Full PDB file with SEQRES, HELIX, SHEET, SSBOND, CRYST1, ORIGX, SCALE, CONECT and MASTER records, all heavy atoms in Angstrom:
SEQRES   1 A   42  SER THR ALA TYR MET MET TRP TYR ARG LYS PRO PRO GLY          
SEQRES   2 A   42  LYS GLU ARG GLU LEU VAL ALA ARG ILE SER GLY ASP GLY          
SEQRES   3 A   42  GLY LEU THR ASP TYR GLN ASP SER VAL LYS GLY ARG PHE          
SEQRES   4 A   42  THR ILE PHE                                                  
HELIX    1 AA1 ASP A   33  VAL A   35  5                                   3    
SHEET    1 AA1 3 MET A   5  ARG A   9  0                                        
SHEET    2 AA1 3 GLU A  17  ILE A  22 -1                                        
SHEET    3 AA1 3 THR A  29  TYR A  31 -1                                        
CRYST1    1.000    1.000    1.000  90.00  90.00  90.00 P 1           1          
ORIGX1      1.000000  0.000000  0.000000        0.00000                         
ORIGX2      0.000000  1.000000  0.000000        0.00000                         
ORIGX3      0.000000  0.000000  1.000000        0.00000                         
SCALE1      1.000000  0.000000  0.000000        0.00000                         
SCALE2      0.000000  1.000000  0.000000        0.00000                         
SCALE3      0.000000  0.000000  1.000000        0.00000                         
ATOM      1  N   SER A   1      40.243 180.712  10.633  1.00  0.00           N  
ATOM      2  CA  SER A   1      39.040 181.524  10.803  1.00  0.00           C  
ATOM      3  C   SER A   1      37.834 180.744  11.303  1.00  0.00           C  
ATOM      4  O   SER A   1      36.863 181.355  11.762  1.00  0.00           O  
ATOM      5  CB  SER A   1      38.687 182.232   9.496  1.00  0.00           C  
ATOM      6  OG  SER A   1      38.391 181.296   8.476  1.00  0.00           O  
ATOM      7  N   THR A   2      37.853 179.429  11.218  1.00  0.00           N  
ATOM      8  CA  THR A   2      36.747 178.603  11.695  1.00  0.00           C  
ATOM      9  C   THR A   2      37.041 177.930  13.029  1.00  0.00           C  
ATOM     10  O   THR A   2      36.201 177.200  13.550  1.00  0.00           O  
ATOM     11  CB  THR A   2      36.377 177.522  10.671  1.00  0.00           C  
ATOM     12  OG1 THR A   2      37.486 176.641  10.471  1.00  0.00           O  
ATOM     13  CG2 THR A   2      35.999 178.161   9.339  1.00  0.00           C  
ATOM     14  N   ALA A   3      38.210 178.167  13.576  1.00  0.00           N  
ATOM     15  CA  ALA A   3      38.654 177.467  14.764  1.00  0.00           C  
ATOM     16  C   ALA A   3      38.495 178.317  16.021  1.00  0.00           C  
ATOM     17  O   ALA A   3      38.895 179.481  16.046  1.00  0.00           O  
ATOM     18  CB  ALA A   3      40.115 177.053  14.619  1.00  0.00           C  
ATOM     19  N   TYR A   4      37.916 177.702  17.057  1.00  0.00           N  
ATOM     20  CA  TYR A   4      38.031 178.304  18.377  1.00  0.00           C  
ATOM     21  C   TYR A   4      39.507 178.355  18.750  1.00  0.00           C  
ATOM     22  O   TYR A   4      40.256 177.420  18.471  1.00  0.00           O  
ATOM     23  CB  TYR A   4      37.275 177.482  19.419  1.00  0.00           C  
ATOM     24  CG  TYR A   4      35.830 177.855  19.590  1.00  0.00           C  
ATOM     25  CD1 TYR A   4      34.864 177.391  18.700  1.00  0.00           C  
ATOM     26  CD2 TYR A   4      35.423 178.649  20.651  1.00  0.00           C  
ATOM     27  CE1 TYR A   4      33.536 177.731  18.861  1.00  0.00           C  
ATOM     28  CE2 TYR A   4      34.084 178.983  20.821  1.00  0.00           C  
ATOM     29  CZ  TYR A   4      33.148 178.527  19.921  1.00  0.00           C  
ATOM     30  OH  TYR A   4      31.830 178.863  20.097  1.00  0.00           O  
ATOM     31  N   MET A   5      39.896 179.430  19.391  1.00  0.00           N  
ATOM     32  CA  MET A   5      41.256 179.567  19.872  1.00  0.00           C  
ATOM     33  C   MET A   5      41.233 179.863  21.364  1.00  0.00           C  
ATOM     34  O   MET A   5      40.333 180.543  21.869  1.00  0.00           O  
ATOM     35  CB  MET A   5      42.010 180.671  19.132  1.00  0.00           C  
ATOM     36  CG  MET A   5      42.252 180.375  17.655  1.00  0.00           C  
ATOM     37  SD  MET A   5      43.325 178.928  17.385  1.00  0.00           S  
ATOM     38  CE  MET A   5      44.862 179.497  18.118  1.00  0.00           C  
ATOM     39  N   MET A   6      42.231 179.345  22.048  1.00  0.00           N  
ATOM     40  CA  MET A   6      42.311 179.473  23.488  1.00  0.00           C  
ATOM     41  C   MET A   6      43.678 179.990  23.909  1.00  0.00           C  
ATOM     42  O   MET A   6      44.679 179.761  23.230  1.00  0.00           O  
ATOM     43  CB  MET A   6      42.079 178.110  24.169  1.00  0.00           C  
ATOM     44  CG  MET A   6      40.660 177.583  24.100  1.00  0.00           C  
ATOM     45  SD  MET A   6      40.227 176.842  22.488  1.00  0.00           S  
ATOM     46  CE  MET A   6      41.142 175.311  22.589  1.00  0.00           C  
ATOM     47  N   TRP A   7      43.702 180.676  25.027  1.00  0.00           N  
ATOM     48  CA  TRP A   7      44.934 180.979  25.737  1.00  0.00           C  
ATOM     49  C   TRP A   7      44.953 180.168  27.027  1.00  0.00           C  
ATOM     50  O   TRP A   7      43.972 180.158  27.779  1.00  0.00           O  
ATOM     51  CB  TRP A   7      45.058 182.464  26.067  1.00  0.00           C  
ATOM     52  CG  TRP A   7      45.510 183.306  24.916  1.00  0.00           C  
ATOM     53  CD1 TRP A   7      44.736 184.051  24.087  1.00  0.00           C  
ATOM     54  CD2 TRP A   7      46.862 183.492  24.482  1.00  0.00           C  
ATOM     55  NE1 TRP A   7      45.505 184.696  23.147  1.00  0.00           N  
ATOM     56  CE2 TRP A   7      46.819 184.370  23.365  1.00  0.00           C  
ATOM     57  CE3 TRP A   7      48.097 183.007  24.910  1.00  0.00           C  
ATOM     58  CZ2 TRP A   7      47.975 184.772  22.686  1.00  0.00           C  
ATOM     59  CZ3 TRP A   7      49.239 183.405  24.229  1.00  0.00           C  
ATOM     60  CH2 TRP A   7      49.166 184.277  23.138  1.00  0.00           C  
ATOM     61  N   TYR A   8      46.059 179.491  27.258  1.00  0.00           N  
ATOM     62  CA  TYR A   8      46.330 178.761  28.485  1.00  0.00           C  
ATOM     63  C   TYR A   8      47.531 179.380  29.182  1.00  0.00           C  
ATOM     64  O   TYR A   8      48.314 180.115  28.578  1.00  0.00           O  
ATOM     65  CB  TYR A   8      46.652 177.293  28.193  1.00  0.00           C  
ATOM     66  CG  TYR A   8      45.527 176.468  27.622  1.00  0.00           C  
ATOM     67  CD1 TYR A   8      45.233 176.504  26.266  1.00  0.00           C  
ATOM     68  CD2 TYR A   8      44.784 175.621  28.438  1.00  0.00           C  
ATOM     69  CE1 TYR A   8      44.217 175.727  25.734  1.00  0.00           C  
ATOM     70  CE2 TYR A   8      43.775 174.842  27.916  1.00  0.00           C  
ATOM     71  CZ  TYR A   8      43.493 174.900  26.564  1.00  0.00           C  
ATOM     72  OH  TYR A   8      42.487 174.117  26.045  1.00  0.00           O  
ATOM     73  N   ARG A   9      47.688 179.041  30.434  1.00  0.00           N  
ATOM     74  CA  ARG A   9      48.907 179.423  31.134  1.00  0.00           C  
ATOM     75  C   ARG A   9      49.289 178.340  32.128  1.00  0.00           C  
ATOM     76  O   ARG A   9      48.442 177.587  32.613  1.00  0.00           O  
ATOM     77  CB  ARG A   9      48.761 180.766  31.854  1.00  0.00           C  
ATOM     78  CG  ARG A   9      47.786 180.767  33.023  1.00  0.00           C  
ATOM     79  CD  ARG A   9      47.602 182.182  33.552  1.00  0.00           C  
ATOM     80  NE  ARG A   9      46.698 182.228  34.690  1.00  0.00           N  
ATOM     81  CZ  ARG A   9      46.252 183.342  35.247  1.00  0.00           C  
ATOM     82  NH1 ARG A   9      46.638 184.527  34.771  1.00  0.00           N  
ATOM     83  NH2 ARG A   9      45.430 183.294  36.287  1.00  0.00           N  
ATOM     84  N   LYS A  10      50.577 178.257  32.409  1.00  0.00           N  
ATOM     85  CA  LYS A  10      51.097 177.336  33.396  1.00  0.00           C  
ATOM     86  C   LYS A  10      51.950 178.123  34.386  1.00  0.00           C  
ATOM     87  O   LYS A  10      53.108 178.444  34.094  1.00  0.00           O  
ATOM     88  CB  LYS A  10      51.918 176.224  32.752  1.00  0.00           C  
ATOM     89  CG  LYS A  10      52.321 175.145  33.743  1.00  0.00           C  
ATOM     90  CD  LYS A  10      53.134 174.049  33.095  1.00  0.00           C  
ATOM     91  CE  LYS A  10      53.403 172.921  34.080  1.00  0.00           C  
ATOM     92  NZ  LYS A  10      54.093 173.384  35.306  1.00  0.00           N  
ATOM     93  N   PRO A  11      51.394 178.430  35.565  1.00  0.00           N  
ATOM     94  CA  PRO A  11      52.196 179.096  36.594  1.00  0.00           C  
ATOM     95  C   PRO A  11      53.278 178.166  37.119  1.00  0.00           C  
ATOM     96  O   PRO A  11      53.142 176.934  37.025  1.00  0.00           O  
ATOM     97  CB  PRO A  11      51.170 179.421  37.683  1.00  0.00           C  
ATOM     98  CG  PRO A  11      49.834 179.310  37.022  1.00  0.00           C  
ATOM     99  CD  PRO A  11      50.005 178.250  35.974  1.00  0.00           C  
ATOM    100  N   PRO A  12      54.327 178.711  37.695  1.00  0.00           N  
ATOM    101  CA  PRO A  12      55.381 177.843  38.246  1.00  0.00           C  
ATOM    102  C   PRO A  12      54.824 176.949  39.344  1.00  0.00           C  
ATOM    103  O   PRO A  12      54.133 177.415  40.254  1.00  0.00           O  
ATOM    104  CB  PRO A  12      56.411 178.830  38.788  1.00  0.00           C  
ATOM    105  CG  PRO A  12      55.679 180.122  38.940  1.00  0.00           C  
ATOM    106  CD  PRO A  12      54.638 180.133  37.870  1.00  0.00           C  
ATOM    107  N   GLY A  13      55.095 175.658  39.240  1.00  0.00           N  
ATOM    108  CA  GLY A  13      54.657 174.706  40.239  1.00  0.00           C  
ATOM    109  C   GLY A  13      53.197 174.324  40.176  1.00  0.00           C  
ATOM    110  O   GLY A  13      52.728 173.587  41.052  1.00  0.00           O  
ATOM    111  N   LYS A  14      52.464 174.791  39.182  1.00  0.00           N  
ATOM    112  CA  LYS A  14      51.050 174.493  39.051  1.00  0.00           C  
ATOM    113  C   LYS A  14      50.751 173.900  37.684  1.00  0.00           C  
ATOM    114  O   LYS A  14      51.566 173.975  36.765  1.00  0.00           O  
ATOM    115  CB  LYS A  14      50.209 175.746  39.278  1.00  0.00           C  
ATOM    116  CG  LYS A  14      50.373 176.373  40.653  1.00  0.00           C  
ATOM    117  CD  LYS A  14      49.503 177.607  40.809  1.00  0.00           C  
ATOM    118  CE  LYS A  14      49.662 178.227  42.185  1.00  0.00           C  
ATOM    119  NZ  LYS A  14      48.817 179.441  42.342  1.00  0.00           N  
ATOM    120  N   GLU A  15      49.571 173.339  37.556  1.00  0.00           N  
ATOM    121  CA  GLU A  15      49.183 172.732  36.288  1.00  0.00           C  
ATOM    122  C   GLU A  15      48.704 173.789  35.306  1.00  0.00           C  
ATOM    123  O   GLU A  15      48.305 174.892  35.678  1.00  0.00           O  
ATOM    124  CB  GLU A  15      48.098 171.675  36.519  1.00  0.00           C  
ATOM    125  CG  GLU A  15      46.795 172.236  37.047  1.00  0.00           C  
ATOM    126  CD  GLU A  15      45.781 171.155  37.365  1.00  0.00           C  
ATOM    127  OE1 GLU A  15      46.153 169.969  37.356  1.00  0.00           O  
ATOM    128  OE2 GLU A  15      44.609 171.491  37.619  1.00  0.00           O  
ATOM    129  N   ARG A  16      48.741 173.428  34.033  1.00  0.00           N  
ATOM    130  CA  ARG A  16      48.254 174.321  32.996  1.00  0.00           C  
ATOM    131  C   ARG A  16      46.756 174.555  33.160  1.00  0.00           C  
ATOM    132  O   ARG A  16      45.999 173.644  33.488  1.00  0.00           O  
ATOM    133  CB  ARG A  16      48.556 173.714  31.621  1.00  0.00           C  
ATOM    134  CG  ARG A  16      48.156 174.591  30.449  1.00  0.00           C  
ATOM    135  CD  ARG A  16      48.417 173.880  29.118  1.00  0.00           C  
ATOM    136  NE  ARG A  16      49.837 173.838  28.789  1.00  0.00           N  
ATOM    137  CZ  ARG A  16      50.559 172.720  28.743  1.00  0.00           C  
ATOM    138  NH1 ARG A  16      50.014 171.548  29.001  1.00  0.00           N  
ATOM    139  NH2 ARG A  16      51.842 172.792  28.418  1.00  0.00           N  
ATOM    140  N   GLU A  17      46.325 175.793  32.921  1.00  0.00           N  
ATOM    141  CA  GLU A  17      44.928 176.141  33.068  1.00  0.00           C  
ATOM    142  C   GLU A  17      44.464 176.981  31.885  1.00  0.00           C  
ATOM    143  O   GLU A  17      45.238 177.733  31.286  1.00  0.00           O  
ATOM    144  CB  GLU A  17      44.690 176.909  34.371  1.00  0.00           C  
ATOM    145  CG  GLU A  17      45.423 178.241  34.438  1.00  0.00           C  
ATOM    146  CD  GLU A  17      45.280 178.942  35.777  1.00  0.00           C  
ATOM    147  OE1 GLU A  17      44.700 178.339  36.711  1.00  0.00           O  
ATOM    148  OE2 GLU A  17      45.743 180.093  35.895  1.00  0.00           O  
ATOM    149  N   LEU A  18      43.189 176.850  31.568  1.00  0.00           N  
ATOM    150  CA  LEU A  18      42.589 177.651  30.510  1.00  0.00           C  
ATOM    151  C   LEU A  18      42.324 179.057  31.023  1.00  0.00           C  
ATOM    152  O   LEU A  18      41.727 179.236  32.087  1.00  0.00           O  
ATOM    153  CB  LEU A  18      41.291 177.005  30.041  1.00  0.00           C  
ATOM    154  CG  LEU A  18      40.516 177.728  28.940  1.00  0.00           C  
ATOM    155  CD1 LEU A  18      41.314 177.738  27.641  1.00  0.00           C  
ATOM    156  CD2 LEU A  18      39.158 177.067  28.724  1.00  0.00           C  
ATOM    157  N   VAL A  19      42.747 180.047  30.262  1.00  0.00           N  
ATOM    158  CA  VAL A  19      42.574 181.441  30.631  1.00  0.00           C  
ATOM    159  C   VAL A  19      41.403 182.074  29.892  1.00  0.00           C  
ATOM    160  O   VAL A  19      40.574 182.769  30.490  1.00  0.00           O  
ATOM    161  CB  VAL A  19      43.859 182.243  30.359  1.00  0.00           C  
ATOM    162  CG1 VAL A  19      43.656 183.725  30.663  1.00  0.00           C  
ATOM    163  CG2 VAL A  19      45.011 181.680  31.182  1.00  0.00           C  
ATOM    164  N   ALA A  20      41.329 181.868  28.589  1.00  0.00           N  
ATOM    165  CA  ALA A  20      40.304 182.502  27.774  1.00  0.00           C  
ATOM    166  C   ALA A  20      40.141 181.734  26.479  1.00  0.00           C  
ATOM    167  O   ALA A  20      41.054 181.047  26.032  1.00  0.00           O  
ATOM    168  CB  ALA A  20      40.664 183.962  27.475  1.00  0.00           C  
ATOM    169  N   ARG A  21      38.962 181.884  25.857  1.00  0.00           N  
ATOM    170  CA  ARG A  21      38.731 181.280  24.561  1.00  0.00           C  
ATOM    171  C   ARG A  21      37.867 182.202  23.727  1.00  0.00           C  
ATOM    172  O   ARG A  21      37.138 183.047  24.257  1.00  0.00           O  
ATOM    173  CB  ARG A  21      38.092 179.891  24.688  1.00  0.00           C  
ATOM    174  CG  ARG A  21      36.691 179.890  25.243  1.00  0.00           C  
ATOM    175  CD  ARG A  21      36.243 178.471  25.626  1.00  0.00           C  
ATOM    176  NE  ARG A  21      36.155 177.567  24.490  1.00  0.00           N  
ATOM    177  CZ  ARG A  21      35.033 177.302  23.823  1.00  0.00           C  
ATOM    178  NH1 ARG A  21      33.880 177.867  24.169  1.00  0.00           N  
ATOM    179  NH2 ARG A  21      35.068 176.440  22.811  1.00  0.00           N  
ATOM    180  N   ILE A  22      37.945 182.009  22.412  1.00  0.00           N  
ATOM    181  CA  ILE A  22      37.222 182.868  21.483  1.00  0.00           C  
ATOM    182  C   ILE A  22      36.776 182.044  20.291  1.00  0.00           C  
ATOM    183  O   ILE A  22      37.505 181.186  19.790  1.00  0.00           O  
ATOM    184  CB  ILE A  22      38.101 184.067  21.056  1.00  0.00           C  
ATOM    185  CG1 ILE A  22      37.323 185.049  20.182  1.00  0.00           C  
ATOM    186  CG2 ILE A  22      39.380 183.597  20.356  1.00  0.00           C  
ATOM    187  CD1 ILE A  22      38.060 186.373  19.985  1.00  0.00           C  
ATOM    188  N   SER A  23      35.560 182.289  19.821  1.00  0.00           N  
ATOM    189  CA  SER A  23      35.021 181.578  18.676  1.00  0.00           C  
ATOM    190  C   SER A  23      35.705 182.029  17.396  1.00  0.00           C  
ATOM    191  O   SER A  23      36.410 183.040  17.348  1.00  0.00           O  
ATOM    192  CB  SER A  23      33.515 181.790  18.577  1.00  0.00           C  
ATOM    193  OG  SER A  23      33.206 183.155  18.399  1.00  0.00           O  
ATOM    194  N   GLY A  24      35.474 181.267  16.324  1.00  0.00           N  
ATOM    195  CA  GLY A  24      36.153 181.531  15.062  1.00  0.00           C  
ATOM    196  C   GLY A  24      35.934 182.930  14.529  1.00  0.00           C  
ATOM    197  O   GLY A  24      36.873 183.557  14.017  1.00  0.00           O  
ATOM    198  N   ASP A  25      34.713 183.433  14.645  1.00  0.00           N  
ATOM    199  CA  ASP A  25      34.404 184.763  14.137  1.00  0.00           C  
ATOM    200  C   ASP A  25      34.592 185.855  15.184  1.00  0.00           C  
ATOM    201  O   ASP A  25      34.307 187.024  14.908  1.00  0.00           O  
ATOM    202  CB  ASP A  25      32.987 184.817  13.566  1.00  0.00           C  
ATOM    203  CG  ASP A  25      31.908 184.628  14.610  1.00  0.00           C  
ATOM    204  OD1 ASP A  25      32.234 184.388  15.787  1.00  0.00           O  
ATOM    205  OD2 ASP A  25      30.722 184.716  14.251  1.00  0.00           O  
ATOM    206  N   GLY A  26      35.032 185.477  16.363  1.00  0.00           N  
ATOM    207  CA  GLY A  26      35.252 186.440  17.431  1.00  0.00           C  
ATOM    208  C   GLY A  26      34.010 186.842  18.196  1.00  0.00           C  
ATOM    209  O   GLY A  26      34.101 187.667  19.115  1.00  0.00           O  
ATOM    210  N   GLY A  27      32.861 186.258  17.862  1.00  0.00           N  
ATOM    211  CA  GLY A  27      31.616 186.684  18.460  1.00  0.00           C  
ATOM    212  C   GLY A  27      31.366 186.192  19.871  1.00  0.00           C  
ATOM    213  O   GLY A  27      30.552 186.773  20.589  1.00  0.00           O  
ATOM    214  N   LEU A  28      32.033 185.128  20.266  1.00  0.00           N  
ATOM    215  CA  LEU A  28      31.856 184.554  21.593  1.00  0.00           C  
ATOM    216  C   LEU A  28      33.197 184.495  22.285  1.00  0.00           C  
ATOM    217  O   LEU A  28      34.183 184.032  21.711  1.00  0.00           O  
ATOM    218  CB  LEU A  28      31.254 183.153  21.510  1.00  0.00           C  
ATOM    219  CG  LEU A  28      29.853 183.038  20.918  1.00  0.00           C  
ATOM    220  CD1 LEU A  28      29.481 181.558  20.770  1.00  0.00           C  
ATOM    221  CD2 LEU A  28      28.846 183.751  21.802  1.00  0.00           C  
ATOM    222  N   THR A  29      33.225 184.959  23.511  1.00  0.00           N  
ATOM    223  CA  THR A  29      34.422 184.883  24.337  1.00  0.00           C  
ATOM    224  C   THR A  29      34.044 184.448  25.737  1.00  0.00           C  
ATOM    225  O   THR A  29      32.926 184.695  26.199  1.00  0.00           O  
ATOM    226  CB  THR A  29      35.162 186.229  24.417  1.00  0.00           C  
ATOM    227  OG1 THR A  29      34.295 187.218  24.984  1.00  0.00           O  
ATOM    228  CG2 THR A  29      35.610 186.687  23.035  1.00  0.00           C  
ATOM    229  N   ASP A  30      34.962 183.798  26.417  1.00  0.00           N  
ATOM    230  CA  ASP A  30      34.783 183.533  27.825  1.00  0.00           C  
ATOM    231  C   ASP A  30      36.138 183.478  28.504  1.00  0.00           C  
ATOM    232  O   ASP A  30      37.172 183.293  27.859  1.00  0.00           O  
ATOM    233  CB  ASP A  30      33.948 182.274  28.095  1.00  0.00           C  
ATOM    234  CG  ASP A  30      34.466 181.043  27.386  1.00  0.00           C  
ATOM    235  OD1 ASP A  30      35.527 180.520  27.788  1.00  0.00           O  
ATOM    236  OD2 ASP A  30      33.801 180.587  26.429  1.00  0.00           O  
ATOM    237  N   TYR A  31      36.115 183.655  29.832  1.00  0.00           N  
ATOM    238  CA  TYR A  31      37.328 183.863  30.597  1.00  0.00           C  
ATOM    239  C   TYR A  31      37.282 183.104  31.910  1.00  0.00           C  
ATOM    240  O   TYR A  31      36.215 182.898  32.492  1.00  0.00           O  
ATOM    241  CB  TYR A  31      37.512 185.351  30.920  1.00  0.00           C  
ATOM    242  CG  TYR A  31      37.587 186.244  29.717  1.00  0.00           C  
ATOM    243  CD1 TYR A  31      36.437 186.788  29.161  1.00  0.00           C  
ATOM    244  CD2 TYR A  31      38.808 186.547  29.137  1.00  0.00           C  
ATOM    245  CE1 TYR A  31      36.500 187.609  28.049  1.00  0.00           C  
ATOM    246  CE2 TYR A  31      38.880 187.365  28.027  1.00  0.00           C  
ATOM    247  CZ  TYR A  31      37.728 187.894  27.485  1.00  0.00           C  
ATOM    248  OH  TYR A  31      37.806 188.705  26.384  1.00  0.00           O  
ATOM    249  N   GLN A  32      38.447 182.722  32.373  1.00  0.00           N  
ATOM    250  CA  GLN A  32      38.575 182.233  33.723  1.00  0.00           C  
ATOM    251  C   GLN A  32      38.185 183.356  34.685  1.00  0.00           C  
ATOM    252  O   GLN A  32      38.483 184.532  34.442  1.00  0.00           O  
ATOM    253  CB  GLN A  32      40.017 181.789  33.976  1.00  0.00           C  
ATOM    254  CG  GLN A  32      40.254 181.167  35.333  1.00  0.00           C  
ATOM    255  CD  GLN A  32      41.726 180.970  35.612  1.00  0.00           C  
ATOM    256  OE1 GLN A  32      42.514 181.908  35.502  1.00  0.00           O  
ATOM    257  NE2 GLN A  32      42.093 179.762  35.986  1.00  0.00           N  
ATOM    258  N   ASP A  33      37.532 182.992  35.792  1.00  0.00           N  
ATOM    259  CA  ASP A  33      37.041 183.998  36.723  1.00  0.00           C  
ATOM    260  C   ASP A  33      38.133 184.945  37.209  1.00  0.00           C  
ATOM    261  O   ASP A  33      37.893 186.143  37.393  1.00  0.00           O  
ATOM    262  CB  ASP A  33      36.383 183.328  37.931  1.00  0.00           C  
ATOM    263  CG  ASP A  33      35.034 182.733  37.607  1.00  0.00           C  
ATOM    264  OD1 ASP A  33      34.458 183.065  36.561  1.00  0.00           O  
ATOM    265  OD2 ASP A  33      34.547 181.924  38.419  1.00  0.00           O  
ATOM    266  N   SER A  34      39.319 184.442  37.413  1.00  0.00           N  
ATOM    267  CA  SER A  34      40.383 185.245  37.995  1.00  0.00           C  
ATOM    268  C   SER A  34      40.879 186.356  37.079  1.00  0.00           C  
ATOM    269  O   SER A  34      41.553 187.277  37.545  1.00  0.00           O  
ATOM    270  CB  SER A  34      41.563 184.358  38.410  1.00  0.00           C  
ATOM    271  OG  SER A  34      42.180 183.769  37.284  1.00  0.00           O  
ATOM    272  N   VAL A  35      40.569 186.289  35.789  1.00  0.00           N  
ATOM    273  CA  VAL A  35      41.039 187.308  34.856  1.00  0.00           C  
ATOM    274  C   VAL A  35      39.912 188.162  34.294  1.00  0.00           C  
ATOM    275  O   VAL A  35      40.187 189.114  33.544  1.00  0.00           O  
ATOM    276  CB  VAL A  35      41.857 186.696  33.702  1.00  0.00           C  
ATOM    277  CG1 VAL A  35      42.956 185.790  34.244  1.00  0.00           C  
ATOM    278  CG2 VAL A  35      40.964 185.937  32.727  1.00  0.00           C  
ATOM    279  N   LYS A  36      38.684 187.866  34.637  1.00  0.00           N  
ATOM    280  CA  LYS A  36      37.559 188.643  34.130  1.00  0.00           C  
ATOM    281  C   LYS A  36      37.684 190.107  34.527  1.00  0.00           C  
ATOM    282  O   LYS A  36      37.988 190.422  35.672  1.00  0.00           O  
ATOM    283  CB  LYS A  36      36.237 188.073  34.644  1.00  0.00           C  
ATOM    284  CG  LYS A  36      35.843 186.758  34.005  1.00  0.00           C  
ATOM    285  CD  LYS A  36      34.523 186.236  34.561  1.00  0.00           C  
ATOM    286  CE  LYS A  36      34.127 184.932  33.903  1.00  0.00           C  
ATOM    287  NZ  LYS A  36      32.886 184.381  34.473  1.00  0.00           N  
ATOM    288  N   GLY A  37      37.454 190.977  33.569  1.00  0.00           N  
ATOM    289  CA  GLY A  37      37.580 192.400  33.806  1.00  0.00           C  
ATOM    290  C   GLY A  37      38.971 192.940  33.631  1.00  0.00           C  
ATOM    291  O   GLY A  37      39.160 194.163  33.623  1.00  0.00           O  
ATOM    292  N   ARG A  38      39.947 192.066  33.499  1.00  0.00           N  
ATOM    293  CA  ARG A  38      41.334 192.479  33.327  1.00  0.00           C  
ATOM    294  C   ARG A  38      41.913 192.064  31.984  1.00  0.00           C  
ATOM    295  O   ARG A  38      42.722 192.791  31.410  1.00  0.00           O  
ATOM    296  CB  ARG A  38      42.210 191.910  34.445  1.00  0.00           C  
ATOM    297  CG  ARG A  38      41.795 192.354  35.838  1.00  0.00           C  
ATOM    298  CD  ARG A  38      42.811 191.921  36.887  1.00  0.00           C  
ATOM    299  NE  ARG A  38      42.946 190.472  36.958  1.00  0.00           N  
ATOM    300  CZ  ARG A  38      44.079 189.810  36.727  1.00  0.00           C  
ATOM    301  NH1 ARG A  38      45.188 190.473  36.409  1.00  0.00           N  
ATOM    302  NH2 ARG A  38      44.112 188.485  36.832  1.00  0.00           N  
ATOM    303  N   PHE A  39      41.528 190.887  31.488  1.00  0.00           N  
ATOM    304  CA  PHE A  39      42.063 190.350  30.240  1.00  0.00           C  
ATOM    305  C   PHE A  39      41.004 190.407  29.150  1.00  0.00           C  
ATOM    306  O   PHE A  39      39.801 190.247  29.415  1.00  0.00           O  
ATOM    307  CB  PHE A  39      42.493 188.892  30.413  1.00  0.00           C  
ATOM    308  CG  PHE A  39      43.710 188.667  31.264  1.00  0.00           C  
ATOM    309  CD1 PHE A  39      44.258 189.672  32.041  1.00  0.00           C  
ATOM    310  CD2 PHE A  39      44.305 187.417  31.288  1.00  0.00           C  
ATOM    311  CE1 PHE A  39      45.378 189.451  32.834  1.00  0.00           C  
ATOM    312  CE2 PHE A  39      45.423 187.176  32.075  1.00  0.00           C  
ATOM    313  CZ  PHE A  39      45.958 188.190  32.840  1.00  0.00           C  
ATOM    314  N   THR A  40      41.453 190.584  27.918  1.00  0.00           N  
ATOM    315  CA  THR A  40      40.580 190.557  26.759  1.00  0.00           C  
ATOM    316  C   THR A  40      41.220 189.714  25.663  1.00  0.00           C  
ATOM    317  O   THR A  40      42.381 189.942  25.303  1.00  0.00           O  
ATOM    318  CB  THR A  40      40.314 191.967  26.212  1.00  0.00           C  
ATOM    319  OG1 THR A  40      39.746 192.785  27.237  1.00  0.00           O  
ATOM    320  CG2 THR A  40      39.352 191.910  25.031  1.00  0.00           C  
ATOM    321  N   ILE A  41      40.481 188.744  25.153  1.00  0.00           N  
ATOM    322  CA  ILE A  41      40.943 187.947  24.027  1.00  0.00           C  
ATOM    323  C   ILE A  41      40.288 188.474  22.756  1.00  0.00           C  
ATOM    324  O   ILE A  41      39.097 188.780  22.744  1.00  0.00           O  
ATOM    325  CB  ILE A  41      40.646 186.449  24.244  1.00  0.00           C  
ATOM    326  CG1 ILE A  41      41.275 185.597  23.134  1.00  0.00           C  
ATOM    327  CG2 ILE A  41      39.161 186.175  24.383  1.00  0.00           C  
ATOM    328  CD1 ILE A  41      41.223 184.094  23.415  1.00  0.00           C  
ATOM    329  N   PHE A  42      41.071 188.615  21.706  1.00  0.00           N  
ATOM    330  CA  PHE A  42      40.532 189.011  20.418  1.00  0.00           C  
ATOM    331  C   PHE A  42      41.405 188.438  19.320  1.00  0.00           C  
ATOM    332  O   PHE A  42      42.482 187.908  19.587  1.00  0.00           O  
ATOM    333  CB  PHE A  42      40.382 190.537  20.301  1.00  0.00           C  
ATOM    334  CG  PHE A  42      41.661 191.324  20.427  1.00  0.00           C  
ATOM    335  CD1 PHE A  42      42.303 191.825  19.299  1.00  0.00           C  
ATOM    336  CD2 PHE A  42      42.211 191.601  21.664  1.00  0.00           C  
ATOM    337  CE1 PHE A  42      43.462 192.572  19.409  1.00  0.00           C  
ATOM    338  CE2 PHE A  42      43.377 192.341  21.784  1.00  0.00           C  
ATOM    339  CZ  PHE A  42      44.007 192.826  20.654  1.00  0.00           C  
TER     340      PHE A  42                                                      
MASTER        0    0    0    1    3    0    0    6  339    1    0    4          
END                                                                             
């Protein structure tokens, strides 16, 4: 509950990249530009 959590992804043939992150209480979120408006982290 106190830890920021992140989602990463590794496409085939590419390096791992950060997709989204969320603060411990869920109050702050941010996203990679390519997924904004499409993905939601909670």
